[in-house]
């Protein structure tokens, strides 16, 4: 049994998207408007559950090291741990944050892809990724647990970590921008050579677009379908002008933040607005020949019998990659 909590970070209006497994109910999906400190405190009520936190990427610091070497003997667990620890020590000299976990990926043995390094030998290449959690967030967890990393039922990850792996493996993407447009802020996560290159945010949010609708007297068209707007030329003209202005501001920020000239995956409820997607895509692609994709889910992901919102994509991918067997066991026992 588990609680999966994905953070929608906002210092004024915190929000967590929660997926809870229970044998008698299978999966529950709901929102909590509570700060992280309160969410952490609530874990003590459910000591038998696994508590997974997908926290905002800006709470983390990332390091990446590429290795190419020859090993005549088969690599043992101690060999791999020693390799990782050397790089942890090196990274700790560059950051004041706290080491959280390591991840080994892009493994090739004798030029053939492999899942694991252990017991492999000869020509080896791999990438070691180190993830550090900022000290403020560590204090929030340690205030409750003293040493949260000693708690076997507590797991913490950057919210986009599994999503990036999914895009690389399933869509063969190594360089792209994950653009989160949320109610309270807009965040860009730039991936270059399949690694975190830059993370930035701006107070240019969905609510600001809704205010533009209100100021232009077209609030009700927030909820109109694409066809209904198309059939009203006067309203469509105002909608298009509003969306063009919003898209221009968004593109201006992308340029200033050095996010320009990358293919963009949009993670947001706003992508249900096809007029926005058309206008934003046209505005963005006219200068750099890159494209914008509304990123929701694909047929390759198990939906677990539920309807998911666009904002659920990180949690859904995590559930597919890490929790799939556990969820299937719960489903089998419910059925």
Protein backbone atom coordinates (compact mmCIF):
# COMPACT_ATOMS: atom_id res chain seq x y z
CA UNK A 1 0.00 0.00 0.00
CA UNK A 2 1.27 3.46 -0.79
CA UNK A 3 0.65 7.18 -0.84
CA UNK A 4 2.03 8.98 -3.88
CA UNK A 5 2.06 12.76 -3.40
CA UNK A 6 3.05 15.06 -6.26
CA UNK A 7 3.78 18.67 -5.41
CA UNK A 8 2.37 21.63 -7.31
CA UNK A 9 4.70 24.12 -5.68
CA UNK A 10 3.45 27.55 -4.68
CA UNK A 11 4.60 29.24 -1.44
CA UNK A 12 1.23 30.99 -1.04
CA UNK A 13 -1.15 28.34 -2.32
CA UNK A 14 0.43 24.89 -1.85
CA UNK A 15 -1.18 21.94 -3.55
CA UNK A 16 -0.46 18.22 -3.61
CA UNK A 17 -1.94 15.71 -6.02
CA UNK A 18 -2.41 12.46 -4.07
CA UNK A 19 -2.78 8.90 -5.31
CA UNK A 20 -3.59 6.46 -2.53
CA UNK A 21 -3.78 2.69 -2.83
CA UNK A 22 -6.14 0.70 -0.66
CA UNK A 23 -7.15 -2.92 -1.30
CA UNK A 24 -10.80 -2.18 -0.61
CA UNK A 25 -10.90 0.88 -2.91
CA UNK A 26 -8.07 0.09 -5.39
CA UNK A 27 -6.86 3.65 -6.19
CA UNK A 28 -8.02 7.00 -4.88
CA UNK A 29 -7.00 10.28 -6.52
CA UNK A 30 -7.56 13.65 -4.84
CA UNK A 31 -6.02 17.06 -4.05
CA UNK A 32 -4.72 18.45 -0.76
CA UNK A 33 -4.17 22.16 -0.24
CA UNK A 34 -1.62 21.87 2.55
CA UNK A 35 2.06 22.86 2.95
CA UNK A 36 4.75 20.20 2.72
CA UNK A 37 5.35 20.30 6.49
CA UNK A 38 1.74 19.28 7.19
CA UNK A 39 1.87 16.56 4.53
CA UNK A 40 5.00 15.13 6.15
CA UNK A 41 3.38 15.14 9.59
CA UNK A 42 0.42 13.16 8.25
CA UNK A 43 2.66 10.23 7.25
CA UNK A 44 2.91 9.14 10.89
CA UNK A 45 -0.78 8.20 10.79
CA UNK A 46 -0.04 5.49 8.21
CA UNK A 47 3.19 3.75 9.23
CA UNK A 48 2.40 0.62 7.18
CA UNK A 49 2.20 2.61 3.94
CA UNK A 50 5.00 3.48 1.57
CA UNK A 51 5.11 7.29 1.28
CA UNK A 52 6.38 8.57 -2.07
CA UNK A 53 6.99 12.28 -2.62
CA UNK A 54 7.38 13.71 -6.13
CA UNK A 55 8.62 17.17 -5.23
CA UNK A 56 9.21 20.25 -7.34
CA UNK A 57 12.38 19.96 -9.43
CA UNK A 58 13.68 23.26 -8.06
CA UNK A 59 14.18 21.65 -4.65
CA UNK A 60 17.00 19.52 -6.13
CA UNK A 61 20.53 19.84 -7.47
CA UNK A 62 21.71 17.40 -10.15
CA UNK A 63 25.15 16.13 -11.15
CA UNK A 64 26.02 13.89 -14.07
CA UNK A 65 29.23 11.94 -14.76
CA UNK A 66 29.98 9.89 -17.86
CA UNK A 67 32.35 6.92 -17.59
CA UNK A 68 34.24 4.92 -20.19
CA UNK A 69 36.65 2.30 -18.88
CA UNK A 70 37.85 -1.28 -19.21
CA UNK A 71 37.41 -3.80 -16.42
CA UNK A 72 39.03 -7.19 -16.85
CA UNK A 73 37.26 -8.55 -13.80
CA UNK A 74 33.51 -8.62 -13.28
CA UNK A 75 32.22 -5.58 -11.42
CA UNK A 76 31.01 -6.28 -7.89
CA UNK A 77 28.55 -4.25 -5.85
CA UNK A 78 31.50 -2.84 -3.88
CA UNK A 79 33.16 -1.71 -7.14
CA UNK A 80 30.02 0.13 -8.20
CA UNK A 81 29.49 1.70 -4.78
CA UNK A 82 33.09 2.89 -4.76
CA UNK A 83 32.64 4.43 -8.20
CA UNK A 84 29.52 6.28 -7.05
CA UNK A 85 31.02 7.39 -3.73
CA UNK A 86 34.01 8.98 -5.45
CA UNK A 87 31.65 11.17 -7.46
CA UNK A 88 29.46 11.93 -4.43
CA UNK A 89 32.54 13.27 -2.65
CA UNK A 90 33.42 15.35 -5.70
CA UNK A 91 29.89 16.76 -5.98
CA UNK A 92 29.73 17.56 -2.26
CA UNK A 93 32.64 19.96 -2.75
CA UNK A 94 30.48 21.88 -5.22
CA UNK A 95 27.18 22.10 -3.34
CA UNK A 96 25.94 22.69 0.20
CA UNK A 97 22.84 20.57 -0.33
CA UNK A 98 22.34 17.03 0.95
CA UNK A 99 22.96 13.92 -1.14
CA UNK A 100 19.72 12.00 -1.72
CA UNK A 101 20.30 9.17 -4.19
CA UNK A 102 22.29 8.03 -7.22
CA UNK A 103 21.07 6.57 -10.49
CA UNK A 104 23.11 4.69 -13.09
CA UNK A 105 21.87 4.83 -16.65
CA UNK A 106 22.99 4.70 -20.31
CA UNK A 107 24.84 1.46 -19.59
CA UNK A 108 26.75 -0.19 -22.44
CA UNK A 109 28.91 -3.29 -22.08
CA UNK A 110 31.06 -4.15 -25.08
CA UNK A 111 28.94 -1.61 -27.01
CA UNK A 112 25.71 -3.41 -26.20
CA UNK A 113 23.00 -1.80 -24.00
CA UNK A 114 22.52 -3.34 -20.56
CA UNK A 115 20.20 -2.76 -17.63
CA UNK A 116 22.76 -3.25 -14.85
CA UNK A 117 26.48 -2.94 -14.27
CA UNK A 118 26.90 -5.67 -11.69
CA UNK A 119 28.83 -8.77 -12.88
CA UNK A 120 29.70 -7.06 -16.17
CA UNK A 121 33.26 -6.72 -17.48
CA UNK A 122 35.51 -5.44 -20.30
CA UNK A 123 34.45 -2.35 -22.22
CA UNK A 124 32.12 -0.36 -19.98
CA UNK A 125 30.37 2.96 -20.47
CA UNK A 126 27.67 4.45 -18.26
CA UNK A 127 26.33 7.62 -16.75
CA UNK A 128 26.08 8.19 -13.02
CA UNK A 129 23.47 10.75 -11.94
CA UNK A 130 23.59 12.17 -8.42
CA UNK A 131 20.57 13.91 -6.93
CA UNK A 132 20.88 16.29 -3.98
CA UNK A 133 17.95 17.70 -1.98
CA UNK A 134 18.13 21.27 -0.69
CA UNK A 135 18.74 21.75 3.01
CA UNK A 136 15.46 23.54 3.70
CA UNK A 137 13.43 20.59 2.42
CA UNK A 138 15.66 18.16 4.34
CA UNK A 139 14.93 20.11 7.52
CA UNK A 140 11.19 19.79 6.87
CA UNK A 141 11.53 16.00 6.78
CA UNK A 142 14.04 15.77 9.62
CA UNK A 143 11.82 17.85 11.90
CA UNK A 144 9.51 14.86 11.82
CA UNK A 145 11.88 11.92 11.42
CA UNK A 146 15.22 13.17 12.80
CA UNK A 147 16.94 11.32 9.95
CA UNK A 148 14.37 10.84 7.19
CA UNK A 149 16.80 8.86 5.03
CA UNK A 150 16.78 6.09 7.61
CA UNK A 151 13.02 5.68 7.13
CA UNK A 152 12.48 2.72 4.81
CA UNK A 153 8.93 3.77 3.89
CA UNK A 154 9.87 7.33 2.79
CA UNK A 155 10.96 7.93 -0.83
CA UNK A 156 11.64 11.33 -2.42
CA UNK A 157 12.16 12.08 -6.12
CA UNK A 158 12.10 15.07 -8.45
CA UNK A 159 8.64 15.12 -10.03
CA UNK A 160 9.97 14.94 -13.61
CA UNK A 161 12.64 12.26 -13.02
CA UNK A 162 10.71 9.27 -14.39
CA UNK A 163 9.06 11.39 -17.08
CA UNK A 164 12.44 12.28 -18.56
CA UNK A 165 13.43 8.61 -18.69
CA UNK A 166 10.10 7.78 -20.32
CA UNK A 167 10.57 10.39 -23.05
CA UNK A 168 14.07 9.21 -23.77
CA UNK A 169 13.21 5.51 -23.90
CA UNK A 170 9.76 5.63 -25.50
CA UNK A 171 9.96 8.72 -27.69
CA UNK A 172 13.72 8.75 -28.28
CA UNK A 173 14.08 12.33 -27.07
CA UNK A 174 17.37 13.53 -25.56
CA UNK A 175 16.90 17.30 -25.82
CA UNK A 176 13.60 19.00 -25.01
CA UNK A 177 11.79 21.39 -22.69
CA UNK A 178 9.16 20.23 -20.21
CA UNK A 179 6.87 23.24 -19.79
CA UNK A 180 4.54 23.14 -16.79
CA UNK A 181 1.83 25.83 -17.05
CA UNK A 182 -0.06 25.71 -13.78
CA UNK A 183 -2.66 27.79 -11.98
CA UNK A 184 -0.07 29.67 -9.94
CA UNK A 185 3.14 29.65 -11.98
CA UNK A 186 4.90 28.51 -15.13
CA UNK A 187 7.99 26.28 -14.88
CA UNK A 188 10.45 25.14 -17.51
CA UNK A 189 12.70 22.09 -17.13
CA UNK A 190 15.31 22.04 -19.90
CA UNK A 191 16.84 18.66 -20.76
CA UNK A 192 19.99 18.54 -22.86
CA UNK A 193 21.80 15.30 -23.64
CA UNK A 194 19.25 13.59 -21.38
CA UNK A 195 20.16 15.60 -18.31
CA UNK A 196 18.85 18.56 -16.34
CA UNK A 197 20.39 21.63 -17.92
CA UNK A 198 18.27 24.44 -16.51
CA UNK A 199 15.17 24.90 -14.33
CA UNK A 200 13.37 28.21 -14.03
CA UNK A 201 9.92 29.52 -13.18
CA UNK A 202 7.83 32.63 -13.79
CA UNK A 203 4.62 34.09 -12.43
CA UNK A 204 2.94 33.74 -15.81
CA UNK A 205 0.19 31.31 -15.04
CA UNK A 206 -3.14 29.95 -16.18
CA UNK A 207 -4.97 32.27 -13.77
CA UNK A 208 -3.41 35.29 -15.48
CA UNK A 209 -4.85 34.11 -18.78
CA UNK A 210 -8.24 33.67 -17.15
CA UNK A 211 -8.00 37.27 -15.90
CA UNK A 212 -7.36 38.40 -19.49
CA UNK A 213 -10.55 36.58 -20.53
CA UNK A 214 -12.41 38.40 -17.77
CA UNK A 215 -10.97 41.82 -18.67
CA UNK A 216 -12.03 41.30 -22.29
CA UNK A 217 -15.55 40.25 -21.32
CA UNK A 218 -15.22 36.69 -22.64
CA UNK A 219 -15.06 34.73 -19.37
CA UNK A 220 -17.71 32.26 -20.46
CA UNK A 221 -15.57 31.25 -23.44
CA UNK A 222 -13.10 29.65 -21.08
CA UNK A 223 -15.48 26.71 -20.98
CA UNK A 224 -16.65 26.73 -24.62
CA UNK A 225 -15.60 24.01 -27.02
CA UNK A 226 -13.38 24.67 -30.01
CA UNK A 227 -16.37 24.36 -32.37
CA UNK A 228 -18.54 26.78 -30.34
CA UNK A 229 -15.85 29.45 -30.47
CA UNK A 230 -15.27 28.87 -34.18
CA UNK A 231 -18.98 29.45 -34.81
CA UNK A 232 -18.91 32.89 -33.17
CA UNK A 233 -16.57 35.13 -35.24
CA UNK A 234 -16.77 38.09 -32.85
CA UNK A 235 -15.92 36.03 -29.75
CA UNK A 236 -13.27 34.08 -31.65
CA UNK A 237 -11.53 37.33 -32.63
CA UNK A 238 -11.26 38.43 -28.98
CA UNK A 239 -10.21 34.94 -27.85
CA UNK A 240 -7.49 34.80 -30.50
CA UNK A 241 -6.20 38.29 -29.64
CA UNK A 242 -6.05 37.39 -25.94
CA UNK A 243 -4.24 34.12 -26.61
CA UNK A 244 -1.81 35.78 -28.99
CA UNK A 245 -0.87 38.30 -26.29
CA UNK A 246 -0.45 35.55 -23.69
CA UNK A 247 1.60 33.41 -26.10
CA UNK A 248 3.85 36.37 -26.92
CA UNK A 249 4.59 36.89 -23.23
CA UNK A 250 5.27 33.20 -22.82
CA UNK A 251 7.64 33.14 -25.79
CA UNK A 252 9.41 36.25 -24.50
CA UNK A 253 10.10 34.44 -21.21
CA UNK A 254 11.29 31.34 -23.05
CA UNK A 255 13.80 33.44 -24.96
CA UNK A 256 15.02 35.31 -21.89
CA UNK A 257 15.37 32.06 -19.94
CA UNK A 258 17.45 30.43 -22.68
CA UNK A 259 14.71 27.86 -23.28
CA UNK A 260 14.36 28.82 -26.94
CA UNK A 261 15.07 26.50 -29.87
CA UNK A 262 13.97 23.29 -28.15
CA UNK A 263 11.00 21.06 -28.79
CA UNK A 264 8.46 21.66 -26.03
CA UNK A 265 6.23 19.23 -24.14
CA UNK A 266 3.40 21.12 -22.44
CA UNK A 267 2.13 19.67 -19.16
CA UNK A 268 -0.98 21.63 -18.25
CA UNK A 269 -4.76 21.72 -18.24
CA UNK A 270 -4.41 24.66 -20.64
CA UNK A 271 -3.64 22.27 -23.48
CA UNK A 272 -7.35 21.39 -23.54
CA UNK A 273 -7.72 24.84 -25.11
CA UNK A 274 -6.92 23.99 -28.73
CA UNK A 275 -7.01 27.63 -29.79
CA UNK A 276 -4.16 28.25 -27.36
CA UNK A 277 -2.19 25.24 -28.61
CA UNK A 278 -2.60 26.37 -32.23
CA UNK A 279 -1.56 29.95 -31.53
CA UNK A 280 1.30 29.09 -29.16
CA UNK A 281 2.66 26.49 -31.58
CA UNK A 282 2.49 28.91 -34.51
CA UNK A 283 4.11 31.73 -32.52
CA UNK A 284 6.90 29.50 -31.19
CA UNK A 285 7.69 27.54 -34.35
CA UNK A 286 7.78 30.51 -36.73
CA UNK A 287 11.17 31.60 -35.34
CA UNK A 288 12.94 28.29 -34.69
CA UNK A 289 11.19 25.47 -36.62
CA UNK A 290 10.65 23.55 -33.37
CA UNK A 291 7.34 22.10 -32.31
CA UNK A 292 5.08 22.06 -29.25
CA UNK A 293 3.39 18.87 -28.12
CA UNK A 294 0.51 18.66 -25.62
CA UNK A 295 1.84 16.00 -23.28
CA UNK A 296 -0.84 13.91 -21.59
CA UNK A 297 -0.59 10.15 -21.85
CA UNK A 298 -0.25 7.53 -24.53
CA UNK A 299 -1.59 4.05 -25.15
CA UNK A 300 1.71 2.70 -23.82
CA UNK A 301 0.77 3.79 -20.30
CA UNK A 302 -1.61 1.77 -18.15
CA UNK A 303 -4.45 4.07 -17.05
CA UNK A 304 -5.40 1.73 -14.16
CA UNK A 305 -9.08 2.14 -15.01
CA UNK A 306 -9.14 5.86 -14.21
CA UNK A 307 -9.46 9.16 -16.06
CA UNK A 308 -6.31 11.23 -15.57
CA UNK A 309 -5.81 14.97 -15.92
CA UNK A 310 -2.91 16.39 -17.95
CA UNK A 311 -1.21 17.47 -14.71
CA UNK A 312 -1.14 13.84 -13.56
CA UNK A 313 1.41 12.75 -16.16
CA UNK A 314 4.45 12.62 -13.83
CA UNK A 315 2.58 10.58 -11.22
CA UNK A 316 1.08 8.32 -13.91
CA UNK A 317 4.47 7.60 -15.47
CA UNK A 318 5.95 6.92 -12.02
CA UNK A 319 3.10 4.52 -11.27
CA UNK A 320 3.71 2.71 -14.58
CA UNK A 321 7.47 2.44 -14.18
CA UNK A 322 7.81 1.80 -10.44
CA UNK A 323 4.44 0.84 -8.91
CA UNK A 324 2.83 -1.14 -11.73
CA UNK A 325 3.21 -4.60 -10.13
CA UNK A 326 1.89 -3.37 -6.79
CA UNK A 327 -1.13 -1.72 -8.41
CA UNK A 328 -1.90 -4.84 -10.43
CA UNK A 329 -1.78 -6.91 -7.23
CA UNK A 330 -4.25 -4.52 -5.57
CA UNK A 331 -6.54 -4.64 -8.62
CA UNK A 332 -6.48 -8.45 -8.66
CA UNK A 333 -7.43 -8.63 -4.99
CA UNK A 334 -10.23 -6.09 -5.41
CA UNK A 335 -11.66 -7.92 -8.41
